[in-house]
Amino acid sequence: NSLVSLVKGINKPAVCWADLDAAGIAIVGDLQRRSELAVTPVFMDASL
């Protein structure tokens, strides 16, 4: 909750770098839902 409140309070473009797995995808969605900001995902690229 502390991190979400900080991200929401800053209110600037938000990016989340997460693993390319179910949990990573859920983490990006959770941050976006709770911060009420658009969050751009950056995942580990499968081509790597």
All heavy atoms as atom14 arrays in JSON, in Angstrom:
{
  "sequence": "NSLVSLVKGINKPAVCWADLDAAGIAIVGDLQRRSELAVTPVFMDASL",
  "atom14_mask": [
    [1, 1, 1, 1, 1, 1, 1, 1, 0, 0, 0, 0, 0, 0],
    [1, 1, 1, 1, 1, 1, 0, 0, 0, 0, 0, 0, 0, 0],
    [1, 1, 1, 1, 1, 1, 1, 1, 0, 0, 0, 0, 0, 0],
    [1, 1, 1, 1, 1, 1, 1, 0, 0, 0, 0, 0, 0, 0],
    [1, 1, 1, 1, 1, 1, 0, 0, 0, 0, 0, 0, 0, 0],
    [1, 1, 1, 1, 1, 1, 1, 1, 0, 0, 0, 0, 0, 0],
    [1, 1, 1, 1, 1, 1, 1, 0, 0, 0, 0, 0, 0, 0],
    [1, 1, 1, 1, 1, 1, 1, 1, 1, 0, 0, 0, 0, 0],
    [1, 1, 1, 1, 0, 0, 0, 0, 0, 0, 0, 0, 0, 0],
    [1, 1, 1, 1, 1, 1, 1, 1, 0, 0, 0, 0, 0, 0],
    [1, 1, 1, 1, 1, 1, 1, 1, 0, 0, 0, 0, 0, 0],
    [1, 1, 1, 1, 1, 1, 1, 1, 1, 0, 0, 0, 0, 0],
    [1, 1, 1, 1, 1, 1, 1, 0, 0, 0, 0, 0, 0, 0],
    [1, 1, 1, 1, 1, 0, 0, 0, 0, 0, 0, 0, 0, 0],
    [1, 1, 1, 1, 1, 1, 1, 0, 0, 0, 0, 0, 0, 0],
    [1, 1, 1, 1, 1, 1, 0, 0, 0, 0, 0, 0, 0, 0],
    [1, 1, 1, 1, 1, 1, 1, 1, 1, 1, 1, 1, 1, 1],
    [1, 1, 1, 1, 1, 0, 0, 0, 0, 0, 0, 0, 0, 0],
    [1, 1, 1, 1, 1, 1, 1, 1, 0, 0, 0, 0, 0, 0],
    [1, 1, 1, 1, 1, 1, 1, 1, 0, 0, 0, 0, 0, 0],
    [1, 1, 1, 1, 1, 1, 1, 1, 0, 0, 0, 0, 0, 0],
    [1, 1, 1, 1, 1, 0, 0, 0, 0, 0, 0, 0, 0, 0],
    [1, 1, 1, 1, 1, 0, 0, 0, 0, 0, 0, 0, 0, 0],
    [1, 1, 1, 1, 0, 0, 0, 0, 0, 0, 0, 0, 0, 0],
    [1, 1, 1, 1, 1, 1, 1, 1, 0, 0, 0, 0, 0, 0],
    [1, 1, 1, 1, 1, 0, 0, 0, 0, 0, 0, 0, 0, 0],
    [1, 1, 1, 1, 1, 1, 1, 1, 0, 0, 0, 0, 0, 0],
    [1, 1, 1, 1, 1, 1, 1, 0, 0, 0, 0, 0, 0, 0],
    [1, 1, 1, 1, 0, 0, 0, 0, 0, 0, 0, 0, 0, 0],
    [1, 1, 1, 1, 1, 1, 1, 1, 0, 0, 0, 0, 0, 0],
    [1, 1, 1, 1, 1, 1, 1, 1, 0, 0, 0, 0, 0, 0],
    [1, 1, 1, 1, 1, 1, 1, 1, 1, 0, 0, 0, 0, 0],
    [1, 1, 1, 1, 1, 1, 1, 1, 1, 1, 1, 0, 0, 0],
    [1, 1, 1, 1, 1, 1, 1, 1, 1, 1, 1, 0, 0, 0],
    [1, 1, 1, 1, 1, 1, 0, 0, 0, 0, 0, 0, 0, 0],
    [1, 1, 1, 1, 1, 1, 1, 1, 1, 0, 0, 0, 0, 0],
    [1, 1, 1, 1, 1, 1, 1, 1, 0, 0, 0, 0, 0, 0],
    [1, 1, 1, 1, 1, 0, 0, 0, 0, 0, 0, 0, 0, 0],
    [1, 1, 1, 1, 1, 1, 1, 0, 0, 0, 0, 0, 0, 0],
    [1, 1, 1, 1, 1, 1, 1, 0, 0, 0, 0, 0, 0, 0],
    [1, 1, 1, 1, 1, 1, 1, 0, 0, 0, 0, 0, 0, 0],
    [1, 1, 1, 1, 1, 1, 1, 0, 0, 0, 0, 0, 0, 0],
    [1, 1, 1, 1, 1, 1, 1, 1, 1, 1, 1, 0, 0, 0],
    [1, 1, 1, 1, 1, 1, 1, 1, 0, 0, 0, 0, 0, 0],
    [1, 1, 1, 1, 1, 1, 1, 1, 0, 0, 0, 0, 0, 0],
    [1, 1, 1, 1, 1, 0, 0, 0, 0, 0, 0, 0, 0, 0],
    [1, 1, 1, 1, 1, 1, 0, 0, 0, 0, 0, 0, 0, 0],
    [1, 1, 1, 1, 1, 1, 1, 1, 0, 0, 0, 0, 0, 0]
  ],
  "atom14_positions": [
    [[0.81, -1.22, 0.0], [0.0, 0.0, 0.0], [0.84, 1.27, 0.0], [0.47, 2.27, -0.61], [-0.95, 0.02, 1.2], [-2.04, -1.03, 1.07], [-2.35, -1.49, -0.02], [-2.62, -1.41, 2.2], [0.0, 0.0, 0.0], [0.0, 0.0, 0.0], [0.0, 0.0, 0.0], [0.0, 0.0, 0.0], [0.0, 0.0, 0.0], [0.0, 0.0, 0.0]],
    [[1.99, 1.24, 0.68], [2.86, 2.42, 0.73], [3.38, 2.76, -0.66], [3.39, 3.92, -1.07], [4.04, 2.19, 1.67], [3.61, 2.17, 3.01], [0.0, 0.0, 0.0], [0.0, 0.0, 0.0], [0.0, 0.0, 0.0], [0.0, 0.0, 0.0], [0.0, 0.0, 0.0], [0.0, 0.0, 0.0], [0.0, 0.0, 0.0], [0.0, 0.0, 0.0]],
    [[3.83, 1.75, -1.39], [4.34, 1.98, -2.74], [3.23, 2.46, -3.67], [3.42, 3.39, -4.44], [4.99, 0.71, -3.29], [5.74, 0.92, -4.6], [7.04, 0.15, -4.59], [4.9, 0.5, -5.78], [0.0, 0.0, 0.0], [0.0, 0.0, 0.0], [0.0, 0.0, 0.0], [0.0, 0.0, 0.0], [0.0, 0.0, 0.0], [0.0, 0.0, 0.0]],
    [[2.06, 1.85, -3.57], [0.93, 2.28, -4.41], [0.59, 3.74, -4.14], [0.4, 4.52, -5.08], [-0.31, 1.38, -4.18], [-1.54, 1.97, -4.87], [-0.05, -0.02, -4.69], [0.0, 0.0, 0.0], [0.0, 0.0, 0.0], [0.0, 0.0, 0.0], [0.0, 0.0, 0.0], [0.0, 0.0, 0.0], [0.0, 0.0, 0.0], [0.0, 0.0, 0.0]],
    [[0.56, 4.14, -2.88], [0.22, 5.54, -2.56], [1.28, 6.5, -3.1], [0.95, 7.6, -3.55], [0.02, 5.74, -1.05], [1.24, 5.64, -0.36], [0.0, 0.0, 0.0], [0.0, 0.0, 0.0], [0.0, 0.0, 0.0], [0.0, 0.0, 0.0], [0.0, 0.0, 0.0], [0.0, 0.0, 0.0], [0.0, 0.0, 0.0], [0.0, 0.0, 0.0]],
    [[2.54, 6.09, -3.09], [3.6, 6.92, -3.63], [3.47, 7.07, -5.14], [3.52, 8.18, -5.67], [4.97, 6.35, -3.26], [6.18, 7.18, -3.67], [6.16, 8.56, -3.0], [7.47, 6.44, -3.32], [0.0, 0.0, 0.0], [0.0, 0.0, 0.0], [0.0, 0.0, 0.0], [0.0, 0.0, 0.0], [0.0, 0.0, 0.0], [0.0, 0.0, 0.0]],
    [[3.26, 5.97, -5.85], [3.11, 6.0, -7.3], [1.9, 6.86, -7.68], [1.97, 7.7, -8.58], [2.99, 4.57, -7.88], [2.58, 4.59, -9.35], [4.29, 3.8, -7.69], [0.0, 0.0, 0.0], [0.0, 0.0, 0.0], [0.0, 0.0, 0.0], [0.0, 0.0, 0.0], [0.0, 0.0, 0.0], [0.0, 0.0, 0.0], [0.0, 0.0, 0.0]],
    [[0.81, 6.66, -6.96], [-0.41, 7.43, -7.23], [-0.19, 8.91, -6.96], [-0.61, 9.77, -7.73], [-1.55, 6.89, -6.38], [-2.89, 7.46, -6.7], [-3.98, 6.77, -5.9], [-5.34, 7.31, -6.28], [-6.42, 6.55, -5.63], [0.0, 0.0, 0.0], [0.0, 0.0, 0.0], [0.0, 0.0, 0.0], [0.0, 0.0, 0.0], [0.0, 0.0, 0.0]],
    [[0.5, 9.23, -5.86], [0.76, 10.63, -5.5], [1.69, 11.33, -6.48], [1.54, 12.52, -6.75], [0.0, 0.0, 0.0], [0.0, 0.0, 0.0], [0.0, 0.0, 0.0], [0.0, 0.0, 0.0], [0.0, 0.0, 0.0], [0.0, 0.0, 0.0], [0.0, 0.0, 0.0], [0.0, 0.0, 0.0], [0.0, 0.0, 0.0], [0.0, 0.0, 0.0]],
    [[2.66, 10.61, -7.02], [3.59, 11.2, -7.99], [2.86, 11.49, -9.3], [3.09, 12.51, -9.94], [4.81, 10.28, -8.2], [5.66, 10.3, -6.93], [5.62, 10.7, -9.42], [6.82, 9.32, -6.94], [0.0, 0.0, 0.0], [0.0, 0.0, 0.0], [0.0, 0.0, 0.0], [0.0, 0.0, 0.0], [0.0, 0.0, 0.0], [0.0, 0.0, 0.0]],
    [[1.97, 10.59, -9.7], [1.09, 10.81, -10.85], [1.84, 11.2, -12.12], [1.55, 12.2, -12.76], [0.02, 11.84, -10.51], [-1.1, 11.86, -11.54], [-1.35, 10.88, -12.21], [-1.76, 12.99, -11.66], [0.0, 0.0, 0.0], [0.0, 0.0, 0.0], [0.0, 0.0, 0.0], [0.0, 0.0, 0.0], [0.0, 0.0, 0.0], [0.0, 0.0, 0.0]],
    [[2.86, 10.4, -12.43], [3.63, 10.57, -13.67], [3.59, 9.25, -14.42], [3.11, 8.25, -13.88], [5.07, 10.98, -13.35], [5.16, 12.38, -12.79], [6.57, 12.87, -12.71], [6.56, 14.33, -12.24], [7.9, 14.87, -12.17], [0.0, 0.0, 0.0], [0.0, 0.0, 0.0], [0.0, 0.0, 0.0], [0.0, 0.0, 0.0], [0.0, 0.0, 0.0]],
    [[4.09, 9.21, -15.66], [4.07, 7.94, -16.38], [4.65, 6.82, -15.52], [5.7, 6.98, -14.89], [4.95, 8.22, -17.6], [4.77, 9.69, -17.84], [4.67, 10.29, -16.46], [0.0, 0.0, 0.0], [0.0, 0.0, 0.0], [0.0, 0.0, 0.0], [0.0, 0.0, 0.0], [0.0, 0.0, 0.0], [0.0, 0.0, 0.0], [0.0, 0.0, 0.0]],
    [[3.95, 5.69, -15.49], [4.35, 4.56, -14.67], [4.64, 3.35, -15.55], [3.89, 3.05, -16.48], [3.26, 4.22, -13.66], [0.0, 0.0, 0.0], [0.0, 0.0, 0.0], [0.0, 0.0, 0.0], [0.0, 0.0, 0.0], [0.0, 0.0, 0.0], [0.0, 0.0, 0.0], [0.0, 0.0, 0.0], [0.0, 0.0, 0.0], [0.0, 0.0, 0.0]],
    [[5.75, 2.68, -15.24], [6.18, 1.49, -15.96], [6.48, 0.43, -14.91], [7.01, 0.73, -13.84], [7.46, 1.81, -16.78], [8.02, 0.56, -17.43], [7.18, 2.88, -17.82], [0.0, 0.0, 0.0], [0.0, 0.0, 0.0], [0.0, 0.0, 0.0], [0.0, 0.0, 0.0], [0.0, 0.0, 0.0], [0.0, 0.0, 0.0], [0.0, 0.0, 0.0]],
    [[6.13, -0.81, -15.22], [6.42, -1.91, -14.3], [7.21, -2.98, -15.04], [6.76, -3.51, -16.05], [5.13, -2.49, -13.74], [5.39, -3.77, -12.49], [0.0, 0.0, 0.0], [0.0, 0.0, 0.0], [0.0, 0.0, 0.0], [0.0, 0.0, 0.0], [0.0, 0.0, 0.0], [0.0, 0.0, 0.0], [0.0, 0.0, 0.0], [0.0, 0.0, 0.0]],
    [[8.42, -3.27, -14.55], [9.28, -4.3, -15.12], [9.06, -5.57, -14.3], [9.39, -5.64, -13.13], [10.72, -3.85, -15.01], [11.73, -4.78, -15.61], [11.57, -6.1, -15.93], [13.07, -4.45, -15.97], [12.73, -6.61, -16.46], [13.67, -5.62, -16.5], [13.82, -3.29, -15.89], [14.99, -5.65, -16.93], [15.13, -3.31, -16.32], [15.71, -4.48, -16.84]],
    [[8.46, -6.56, -14.96], [8.11, -7.79, -14.27], [8.5, -9.0, -15.1], [8.79, -8.88, -16.29], [6.61, -7.81, -13.99], [0.0, 0.0, 0.0], [0.0, 0.0, 0.0], [0.0, 0.0, 0.0], [0.0, 0.0, 0.0], [0.0, 0.0, 0.0], [0.0, 0.0, 0.0], [0.0, 0.0, 0.0], [0.0, 0.0, 0.0], [0.0, 0.0, 0.0]],
    [[8.49, -10.15, -14.46], [8.76, -11.4, -15.17], [7.63, -11.67, -16.15], [6.47, -11.31, -15.91], [8.85, -12.56, -14.19], [10.06, -12.48, -13.28], [11.05, -11.83, -13.68], [10.02, -13.06, -12.18], [0.0, 0.0, 0.0], [0.0, 0.0, 0.0], [0.0, 0.0, 0.0], [0.0, 0.0, 0.0], [0.0, 0.0, 0.0], [0.0, 0.0, 0.0]],
    [[7.95, -12.35, -17.23], [6.95, -12.74, -18.22], [6.38, -14.09, -17.78], [6.69, -15.14, -18.32], [7.56, -12.83, -19.63], [6.6, -13.14, -20.77], [5.46, -12.14, -20.81], [7.32, -13.16, -22.1], [0.0, 0.0, 0.0], [0.0, 0.0, 0.0], [0.0, 0.0, 0.0], [0.0, 0.0, 0.0], [0.0, 0.0, 0.0], [0.0, 0.0, 0.0]],
    [[5.57, -14.02, -16.73], [4.85, -15.2, -16.23], [3.52, -14.72, -15.67], [3.23, -13.52, -15.68], [5.68, -15.95, -15.18], [6.06, -15.11, -13.96], [5.48, -14.03, -13.74], [6.96, -15.55, -13.21], [0.0, 0.0, 0.0], [0.0, 0.0, 0.0], [0.0, 0.0, 0.0], [0.0, 0.0, 0.0], [0.0, 0.0, 0.0], [0.0, 0.0, 0.0]],
    [[2.71, -15.65, -15.22], [1.37, -15.28, -14.73], [1.44, -14.28, -13.59], [0.67, -13.31, -13.54], [0.6, -16.53, -14.31], [0.0, 0.0, 0.0], [0.0, 0.0, 0.0], [0.0, 0.0, 0.0], [0.0, 0.0, 0.0], [0.0, 0.0, 0.0], [0.0, 0.0, 0.0], [0.0, 0.0, 0.0], [0.0, 0.0, 0.0], [0.0, 0.0, 0.0]],
    [[2.37, -14.48, -12.66], [2.49, -13.56, -11.52], [2.93, -12.17, -11.99], [2.4, -11.15, -11.52], [3.47, -14.11, -10.49], [0.0, 0.0, 0.0], [0.0, 0.0, 0.0], [0.0, 0.0, 0.0], [0.0, 0.0, 0.0], [0.0, 0.0, 0.0], [0.0, 0.0, 0.0], [0.0, 0.0, 0.0], [0.0, 0.0, 0.0], [0.0, 0.0, 0.0]],
    [[3.89, -12.11, -12.91], [4.35, -10.81, -13.42], [3.24, -10.03, -14.09], [3.09, -8.83, -13.89], [0.0, 0.0, 0.0], [0.0, 0.0, 0.0], [0.0, 0.0, 0.0], [0.0, 0.0, 0.0], [0.0, 0.0, 0.0], [0.0, 0.0, 0.0], [0.0, 0.0, 0.0], [0.0, 0.0, 0.0], [0.0, 0.0, 0.0], [0.0, 0.0, 0.0]],
    [[2.45, -10.72, -14.89], [1.31, -10.08, -15.56], [0.31, -9.59, -14.54], [-0.2, -8.47, -14.62], [0.68, -11.05, -16.58], [1.67, -11.32, -17.72], [-0.64, -10.52, -17.11], [1.32, -12.49, -18.59], [0.0, 0.0, 0.0], [0.0, 0.0, 0.0], [0.0, 0.0, 0.0], [0.0, 0.0, 0.0], [0.0, 0.0, 0.0], [0.0, 0.0, 0.0]],
    [[0.05, -10.39, -13.52], [-0.9, -10.0, -12.46], [-0.38, -8.81, -11.67], [-1.15, -7.95, -11.26], [-1.18, -11.19, -11.54], [0.0, 0.0, 0.0], [0.0, 0.0, 0.0], [0.0, 0.0, 0.0], [0.0, 0.0, 0.0], [0.0, 0.0, 0.0], [0.0, 0.0, 0.0], [0.0, 0.0, 0.0], [0.0, 0.0, 0.0], [0.0, 0.0, 0.0]],
    [[0.93, -8.75, -11.44], [1.53, -7.64, -10.69], [1.3, -6.31, -11.43], [0.93, -5.31, -10.82], [3.03, -7.9, -10.44], [3.18, -8.98, -9.37], [3.77, -6.62, -10.05], [4.58, -9.55, -9.24], [0.0, 0.0, 0.0], [0.0, 0.0, 0.0], [0.0, 0.0, 0.0], [0.0, 0.0, 0.0], [0.0, 0.0, 0.0], [0.0, 0.0, 0.0]],
    [[1.5, -6.31, -12.74], [1.27, -5.09, -13.52], [-0.2, -4.68, -13.43], [-0.51, -3.51, -13.18], [1.68, -5.29, -15.0], [1.27, -4.09, -15.84], [3.18, -5.54, -15.11], [0.0, 0.0, 0.0], [0.0, 0.0, 0.0], [0.0, 0.0, 0.0], [0.0, 0.0, 0.0], [0.0, 0.0, 0.0], [0.0, 0.0, 0.0], [0.0, 0.0, 0.0]],
    [[-1.11, -5.63, -13.58], [-2.54, -5.33, -13.49], [-2.95, -4.83, -12.11], [-3.75, -3.91, -11.99], [0.0, 0.0, 0.0], [0.0, 0.0, 0.0], [0.0, 0.0, 0.0], [0.0, 0.0, 0.0], [0.0, 0.0, 0.0], [0.0, 0.0, 0.0], [0.0, 0.0, 0.0], [0.0, 0.0, 0.0], [0.0, 0.0, 0.0], [0.0, 0.0, 0.0]],
    [[-2.37, -5.43, -11.07], [-2.67, -5.03, -9.7], [-2.2, -3.6, -9.44], [-2.94, -2.79, -8.85], [-1.99, -6.0, -8.73], [-2.24, -5.65, -7.28], [-3.42, -5.64, -6.85], [-1.24, -5.39, -6.57], [0.0, 0.0, 0.0], [0.0, 0.0, 0.0], [0.0, 0.0, 0.0], [0.0, 0.0, 0.0], [0.0, 0.0, 0.0], [0.0, 0.0, 0.0]],
    [[-1.0, -3.26, -9.88], [-0.48, -1.9, -9.7], [-1.35, -0.9, -10.46], [-1.68, 0.17, -9.93], [0.97, -1.81, -10.17], [1.61, -0.42, -10.13], [1.61, 0.14, -8.72], [3.03, -0.47, -10.68], [0.0, 0.0, 0.0], [0.0, 0.0, 0.0], [0.0, 0.0, 0.0], [0.0, 0.0, 0.0], [0.0, 0.0, 0.0], [0.0, 0.0, 0.0]],
    [[-1.74, -1.23, -11.66], [-2.59, -0.34, -12.45], [-3.95, -0.13, -11.78], [-4.42, 1.0, -11.65], [-2.77, -0.9, -13.86], [-3.61, -0.01, -14.76], [-3.47, -0.39, -16.21], [-2.39, -0.24, -16.77], [-4.52, -0.9, -16.8], [0.0, 0.0, 0.0], [0.0, 0.0, 0.0], [0.0, 0.0, 0.0], [0.0, 0.0, 0.0], [0.0, 0.0, 0.0]],
    [[-4.56, -1.22, -11.33], [-5.88, -1.12, -10.69], [-5.82, -0.29, -9.4], [-6.62, 0.61, -9.2], [-6.4, -2.53, -10.38], [-7.75, -2.56, -9.68], [-8.17, -3.99, -9.34], [-7.21, -4.72, -8.52], [-7.07, -4.56, -7.2], [-7.81, -3.69, -6.56], [-6.18, -5.27, -6.53], [0.0, 0.0, 0.0], [0.0, 0.0, 0.0], [0.0, 0.0, 0.0]],
    [[-4.84, -0.56, -8.56], [-4.77, 0.1, -7.25], [-4.27, 1.54, -7.33], [-4.68, 2.38, -6.53], [-3.92, -0.73, -6.3], [-4.63, -2.03, -5.96], [-3.77, -3.03, -5.21], [-3.22, -2.46, -4.0], [-2.05, -2.84, -3.49], [-1.32, -3.77, -4.08], [-1.61, -2.29, -2.39], [0.0, 0.0, 0.0], [0.0, 0.0, 0.0], [0.0, 0.0, 0.0]],
    [[-3.39, 1.84, -8.29], [-2.88, 3.21, -8.41], [-3.82, 4.09, -9.24], [-3.7, 5.31, -9.21], [-1.5, 3.22, -9.06], [-1.57, 2.86, -10.43], [0.0, 0.0, 0.0], [0.0, 0.0, 0.0], [0.0, 0.0, 0.0], [0.0, 0.0, 0.0], [0.0, 0.0, 0.0], [0.0, 0.0, 0.0], [0.0, 0.0, 0.0], [0.0, 0.0, 0.0]],
    [[-4.71, 3.46, -9.99], [-5.64, 4.17, -10.87], [-4.9, 4.95, -11.95], [-5.36, 5.99, -12.41], [-6.58, 5.07, -10.07], [-7.42, 4.31, -9.05], [-8.22, 5.21, -8.13], [-7.98, 6.43, -8.08], [-9.11, 4.67, -7.45], [0.0, 0.0, 0.0], [0.0, 0.0, 0.0], [0.0, 0.0, 0.0], [0.0, 0.0, 0.0], [0.0, 0.0, 0.0]],
    [[-3.72, 4.45, -12.34], [-2.91, 5.05, -13.41], [-2.69, 4.01, -14.5], [-2.69, 2.81, -14.24], [-1.55, 5.48, -12.86], [-1.53, 6.57, -11.8], [-0.13, 6.7, -11.21], [-1.98, 7.89, -12.38], [0.0, 0.0, 0.0], [0.0, 0.0, 0.0], [0.0, 0.0, 0.0], [0.0, 0.0, 0.0], [0.0, 0.0, 0.0], [0.0, 0.0, 0.0]],
    [[-2.45, 4.48, -15.71], [-2.04, 3.57, -16.77], [-0.61, 3.13, -16.47], [0.26, 3.96, -16.21], [-2.11, 4.28, -18.12], [0.0, 0.0, 0.0], [0.0, 0.0, 0.0], [0.0, 0.0, 0.0], [0.0, 0.0, 0.0], [0.0, 0.0, 0.0], [0.0, 0.0, 0.0], [0.0, 0.0, 0.0], [0.0, 0.0, 0.0], [0.0, 0.0, 0.0]],
    [[-0.37, 1.83, -16.45], [0.95, 1.28, -16.17], [1.42, 0.51, -17.39], [0.76, -0.44, -17.82], [0.93, 0.35, -14.93], [2.29, -0.28, -14.7], [0.47, 1.12, -13.69], [0.0, 0.0, 0.0], [0.0, 0.0, 0.0], [0.0, 0.0, 0.0], [0.0, 0.0, 0.0], [0.0, 0.0, 0.0], [0.0, 0.0, 0.0], [0.0, 0.0, 0.0]],
    [[2.53, 0.93, -17.95], [3.09, 0.25, -19.12], [3.93, -0.93, -18.66], [4.86, -0.74, -17.86], [3.97, 1.22, -19.94], [3.17, 2.34, -20.33], [4.54, 0.54, -21.17], [0.0, 0.0, 0.0], [0.0, 0.0, 0.0], [0.0, 0.0, 0.0], [0.0, 0.0, 0.0], [0.0, 0.0, 0.0], [0.0, 0.0, 0.0], [0.0, 0.0, 0.0]],
    [[3.62, -2.13, -19.14], [4.41, -3.29, -18.72], [5.7, -3.4, -19.52], [5.74, -3.11, -20.71], [3.48, -4.48, -19.02], [2.61, -4.01, -20.13], [2.46, -2.51, -19.95], [0.0, 0.0, 0.0], [0.0, 0.0, 0.0], [0.0, 0.0, 0.0], [0.0, 0.0, 0.0], [0.0, 0.0, 0.0], [0.0, 0.0, 0.0], [0.0, 0.0, 0.0]],
    [[6.77, -3.8, -18.84], [8.03, -4.15, -19.48], [8.34, -5.55, -18.98], [8.62, -5.74, -17.8], [9.17, -3.18, -19.08], [10.48, -3.62, -19.69], [8.83, -1.76, -19.46], [0.0, 0.0, 0.0], [0.0, 0.0, 0.0], [0.0, 0.0, 0.0], [0.0, 0.0, 0.0], [0.0, 0.0, 0.0], [0.0, 0.0, 0.0], [0.0, 0.0, 0.0]],
    [[8.22, -6.52, -19.89], [8.45, -7.91, -19.5], [9.75, -8.43, -20.08], [10.24, -7.92, -21.08], [7.3, -8.8, -20.01], [5.98, -8.5, -19.37], [4.95, -7.97, -20.12], [5.76, -8.77, -18.04], [3.72, -7.7, -19.55], [4.52, -8.5, -17.46], [3.5, -7.97, -18.21], [0.0, 0.0, 0.0], [0.0, 0.0, 0.0], [0.0, 0.0, 0.0]],
    [[10.26, -9.46, -19.45], [11.37, -10.18, -20.02], [10.87, -10.72, -21.36], [9.85, -11.38, -21.41], [11.79, -11.32, -19.1], [12.96, -12.09, -19.59], [14.44, -11.11, -19.54], [15.24, -11.84, -18.16], [0.0, 0.0, 0.0], [0.0, 0.0, 0.0], [0.0, 0.0, 0.0], [0.0, 0.0, 0.0], [0.0, 0.0, 0.0], [0.0, 0.0, 0.0]],
    [[11.54, -10.39, -22.42], [11.11, -10.77, -23.77], [11.39, -12.26, -24.01], [12.5, -12.73, -23.76], [11.88, -9.92, -24.79], [11.33, -10.04, -26.19], [10.99, -11.17, -26.61], [11.24, -9.02, -26.86], [0.0, 0.0, 0.0], [0.0, 0.0, 0.0], [0.0, 0.0, 0.0], [0.0, 0.0, 0.0], [0.0, 0.0, 0.0], [0.0, 0.0, 0.0]],
    [[10.39, -12.98, -24.49], [10.55, -14.41, -24.75], [11.66, -14.68, -25.76], [12.31, -15.73, -25.71], [9.24, -14.99, -25.24], [0.0, 0.0, 0.0], [0.0, 0.0, 0.0], [0.0, 0.0, 0.0], [0.0, 0.0, 0.0], [0.0, 0.0, 0.0], [0.0, 0.0, 0.0], [0.0, 0.0, 0.0], [0.0, 0.0, 0.0], [0.0, 0.0, 0.0]],
    [[11.94, -13.74, -26.68], [13.01, -13.95, -27.66], [14.39, -14.02, -27.01], [15.33, -14.56, -27.58], [12.98, -12.86, -28.73], [13.34, -11.62, -28.18], [0.0, 0.0, 0.0], [0.0, 0.0, 0.0], [0.0, 0.0, 0.0], [0.0, 0.0, 0.0], [0.0, 0.0, 0.0], [0.0, 0.0, 0.0], [0.0, 0.0, 0.0], [0.0, 0.0, 0.0]],
    [[14.51, -13.46, -25.79], [15.79, -13.53, -25.09], [16.17, -14.96, -24.75], [17.35, -15.29, -24.61], [15.76, -12.69, -23.81], [15.7, -11.19, -23.99], [15.57, -10.51, -22.64], [16.94, -10.69, -24.71], [0.0, 0.0, 0.0], [0.0, 0.0, 0.0], [0.0, 0.0, 0.0], [0.0, 0.0, 0.0], [0.0, 0.0, 0.0], [0.0, 0.0, 0.0]]
  ]
}
